[in-house]
Amino acid sequence: MPDPARLRDSTQIVLRQEALERLEQPLDDEFAVTVFEEEENRYRIIGSPVEIKEASEFLARRGVAVL
């Protein structure tokens, strides 16, 4: 049985609000993910492991640090 923490890490990204403000629309346009506002300064991006990996690479190429 897979480790829940590892599965969770492969299906979500947590970002600070400032990092996502300028990239939310391109992220939505390019990937099949859902963005949820969490705490006051954080967003959680949820998707399949494949989509999350590609979205993480997309964000990294734009200089965004993933929490």
N, C-alpha and C. Protein backbone atom coordinates (compact mmCIF):
# COMPACT_ATOMS: atom_id res chain seq x y z
N MET A 1 0.84 -1.17 0.00
CA MET A 1 0.00 0.00 0.00
C MET A 1 0.90 1.25 0.00
N PRO A 2 0.57 2.25 -0.82
CA PRO A 2 1.42 3.45 -0.90
C PRO A 2 1.36 4.29 0.38
N ASP A 3 2.46 4.98 0.62
CA ASP A 3 2.55 5.89 1.76
C ASP A 3 1.67 7.12 1.50
N PRO A 4 0.72 7.45 2.38
CA PRO A 4 -0.17 8.59 2.15
C PRO A 4 0.55 9.92 1.96
N ALA A 5 1.62 10.15 2.69
CA ALA A 5 2.36 11.42 2.55
C ALA A 5 2.99 11.52 1.16
N ARG A 6 3.52 10.43 0.68
CA ARG A 6 4.13 10.43 -0.66
C ARG A 6 3.06 10.63 -1.74
N LEU A 7 1.93 9.99 -1.60
CA LEU A 7 0.83 10.16 -2.54
C LEU A 7 0.34 11.60 -2.53
N ARG A 8 0.20 12.18 -1.36
CA ARG A 8 -0.25 13.57 -1.23
C ARG A 8 0.73 14.51 -1.91
N ASP A 9 2.02 14.28 -1.72
CA ASP A 9 3.05 15.12 -2.34
C ASP A 9 3.01 15.03 -3.86
N SER A 10 2.56 13.92 -4.40
CA SER A 10 2.53 13.77 -5.85
C SER A 10 1.23 14.27 -6.47
N THR A 11 0.29 14.70 -5.65
CA THR A 11 -1.00 15.17 -6.20
C THR A 11 -1.34 16.60 -5.80
N GLN A 12 -0.41 17.31 -5.18
CA GLN A 12 -0.71 18.68 -4.79
C GLN A 12 0.55 19.54 -4.71
N ILE A 13 0.34 20.84 -4.85
CA ILE A 13 1.40 21.84 -4.70
C ILE A 13 0.83 22.92 -3.78
N VAL A 14 1.63 23.40 -2.85
CA VAL A 14 1.22 24.50 -1.99
C VAL A 14 2.10 25.70 -2.32
N LEU A 15 1.46 26.84 -2.58
CA LEU A 15 2.18 28.05 -2.95
C LEU A 15 1.72 29.23 -2.13
N ARG A 16 2.61 30.18 -1.98
CA ARG A 16 2.24 31.45 -1.38
C ARG A 16 1.39 32.23 -2.39
N GLN A 17 0.50 33.03 -1.89
CA GLN A 17 -0.42 33.79 -2.73
C GLN A 17 0.32 34.63 -3.77
N GLU A 18 1.39 35.30 -3.38
CA GLU A 18 2.12 36.18 -4.29
C GLU A 18 2.67 35.41 -5.50
N ALA A 19 3.10 34.18 -5.28
CA ALA A 19 3.68 33.39 -6.36
C ALA A 19 2.64 33.01 -7.40
N LEU A 20 1.42 32.81 -6.98
CA LEU A 20 0.38 32.33 -7.88
C LEU A 20 -0.36 33.45 -8.58
N GLU A 21 -0.35 34.65 -8.03
CA GLU A 21 -1.13 35.75 -8.59
C GLU A 21 -0.88 35.96 -10.08
N ARG A 22 0.35 35.98 -10.48
CA ARG A 22 0.67 36.25 -11.88
C ARG A 22 0.64 35.00 -12.77
N LEU A 23 0.53 33.82 -12.16
CA LEU A 23 0.59 32.58 -12.94
C LEU A 23 -0.67 31.74 -12.89
N GLU A 24 -1.68 32.17 -12.15
CA GLU A 24 -2.87 31.33 -12.01
C GLU A 24 -3.55 31.07 -13.35
N GLN A 25 -3.74 32.08 -14.15
CA GLN A 25 -4.42 31.89 -15.44
C GLN A 25 -3.62 31.01 -16.39
N PRO A 26 -2.30 31.26 -16.58
CA PRO A 26 -1.54 30.34 -17.44
C PRO A 26 -1.55 28.90 -16.91
N LEU A 27 -1.53 28.75 -15.59
CA LEU A 27 -1.57 27.42 -14.99
C LEU A 27 -2.90 26.74 -15.30
N ASP A 28 -3.99 27.47 -15.14
CA ASP A 28 -5.32 26.93 -15.44
C ASP A 28 -5.47 26.58 -16.92
N ASP A 29 -4.89 27.42 -17.78
CA ASP A 29 -5.01 27.20 -19.22
C ASP A 29 -4.24 25.97 -19.69
N GLU A 30 -3.11 25.71 -19.07
CA GLU A 30 -2.22 24.66 -19.56
C GLU A 30 -2.40 23.30 -18.88
N PHE A 31 -2.90 23.28 -17.65
CA PHE A 31 -2.96 22.03 -16.89
C PHE A 31 -4.36 21.79 -16.33
N ALA A 32 -4.70 20.50 -16.17
CA ALA A 32 -5.98 20.10 -15.58
C ALA A 32 -5.80 20.01 -14.07
N VAL A 33 -5.82 21.17 -13.41
CA VAL A 33 -5.65 21.24 -11.96
C VAL A 33 -6.76 22.10 -11.36
N THR A 34 -6.92 21.96 -10.06
CA THR A 34 -7.88 22.77 -9.31
C THR A 34 -7.11 23.57 -8.28
N VAL A 35 -7.41 24.87 -8.18
CA VAL A 35 -6.73 25.74 -7.24
C VAL A 35 -7.70 26.09 -6.11
N PHE A 36 -7.28 25.81 -4.89
CA PHE A 36 -8.07 26.13 -3.70
C PHE A 36 -7.34 27.16 -2.86
N GLU A 37 -8.06 28.16 -2.39
CA GLU A 37 -7.47 29.11 -1.45
C GLU A 37 -7.52 28.47 -0.08
N GLU A 38 -6.36 28.40 0.57
CA GLU A 38 -6.29 27.81 1.90
C GLU A 38 -6.22 28.92 2.92
N GLU A 39 -5.17 28.89 3.70
CA GLU A 39 -4.96 29.92 4.70
C GLU A 39 -4.89 31.26 3.99
N GLU A 40 -4.78 32.33 4.75
CA GLU A 40 -4.83 33.66 4.17
C GLU A 40 -3.78 33.94 3.11
N ASN A 41 -2.64 33.30 3.15
CA ASN A 41 -1.58 33.59 2.18
C ASN A 41 -1.13 32.38 1.37
N ARG A 42 -1.95 31.34 1.30
CA ARG A 42 -1.53 30.12 0.60
C ARG A 42 -2.63 29.57 -0.29
N TYR A 43 -2.18 28.95 -1.35
CA TYR A 43 -3.08 28.25 -2.26
C TYR A 43 -2.61 26.82 -2.41
N ARG A 44 -3.55 25.91 -2.60
CA ARG A 44 -3.24 24.50 -2.83
C ARG A 44 -3.71 24.16 -4.24
N ILE A 45 -2.81 23.62 -5.04
CA ILE A 45 -3.11 23.20 -6.40
C ILE A 45 -3.18 21.68 -6.37
N ILE A 46 -4.30 21.13 -6.82
CA ILE A 46 -4.53 19.69 -6.75
C ILE A 46 -4.77 19.15 -8.15
N GLY A 47 -4.17 18.01 -8.44
CA GLY A 47 -4.35 17.35 -9.73
C GLY A 47 -3.76 15.96 -9.70
N SER A 48 -3.78 15.31 -10.85
CA SER A 48 -3.20 13.98 -10.95
C SER A 48 -1.69 14.08 -10.80
N PRO A 49 -1.03 12.98 -10.46
CA PRO A 49 0.43 13.03 -10.33
C PRO A 49 1.13 13.54 -11.60
N VAL A 50 0.63 13.17 -12.76
CA VAL A 50 1.23 13.63 -14.02
C VAL A 50 1.05 15.15 -14.17
N GLU A 51 -0.14 15.65 -13.92
CA GLU A 51 -0.41 17.09 -14.04
C GLU A 51 0.40 17.88 -13.01
N ILE A 52 0.49 17.37 -11.79
CA ILE A 52 1.23 18.08 -10.75
C ILE A 52 2.72 18.13 -11.09
N LYS A 53 3.26 17.04 -11.61
CA LYS A 53 4.68 17.05 -11.99
C LYS A 53 4.93 18.08 -13.08
N GLU A 54 4.08 18.12 -14.08
CA GLU A 54 4.26 19.07 -15.17
C GLU A 54 4.01 20.51 -14.70
N ALA A 55 3.03 20.70 -13.83
CA ALA A 55 2.77 22.04 -13.28
C ALA A 55 3.95 22.50 -12.41
N SER A 56 4.54 21.59 -11.66
CA SER A 56 5.71 21.92 -10.84
C SER A 56 6.87 22.37 -11.72
N GLU A 57 7.08 21.66 -12.81
CA GLU A 57 8.15 22.04 -13.75
C GLU A 57 7.85 23.40 -14.37
N PHE A 58 6.60 23.64 -14.74
CA PHE A 58 6.17 24.93 -15.29
C PHE A 58 6.47 26.06 -14.31
N LEU A 59 6.11 25.85 -13.05
CA LEU A 59 6.35 26.86 -12.02
C LEU A 59 7.85 27.05 -11.77
N ALA A 60 8.60 25.98 -11.73
CA ALA A 60 10.05 26.07 -11.49
C ALA A 60 10.74 26.85 -12.60
N ARG A 61 10.31 26.64 -13.85
CA ARG A 61 10.91 27.39 -14.96
C ARG A 61 10.64 28.88 -14.85
N ARG A 62 9.62 29.25 -14.10
CA ARG A 62 9.29 30.65 -13.90
C ARG A 62 9.80 31.19 -12.56
N GLY A 63 10.64 30.40 -11.90
CA GLY A 63 11.28 30.85 -10.68
C GLY A 63 10.43 30.78 -9.42
N VAL A 64 9.39 29.95 -9.44
CA VAL A 64 8.51 29.82 -8.28
C VAL A 64 8.97 28.67 -7.41
N ALA A 65 9.19 28.95 -6.13
CA ALA A 65 9.56 27.91 -5.17
C ALA A 65 8.30 27.23 -4.65
N VAL A 66 8.25 25.93 -4.74
CA VAL A 66 7.10 25.16 -4.28
C VAL A 66 7.32 24.80 -2.82
N LEU A 67 6.30 25.04 -1.96
CA LEU A 67 6.41 24.76 -0.52
C LEU A 67 6.24 23.28 -0.24
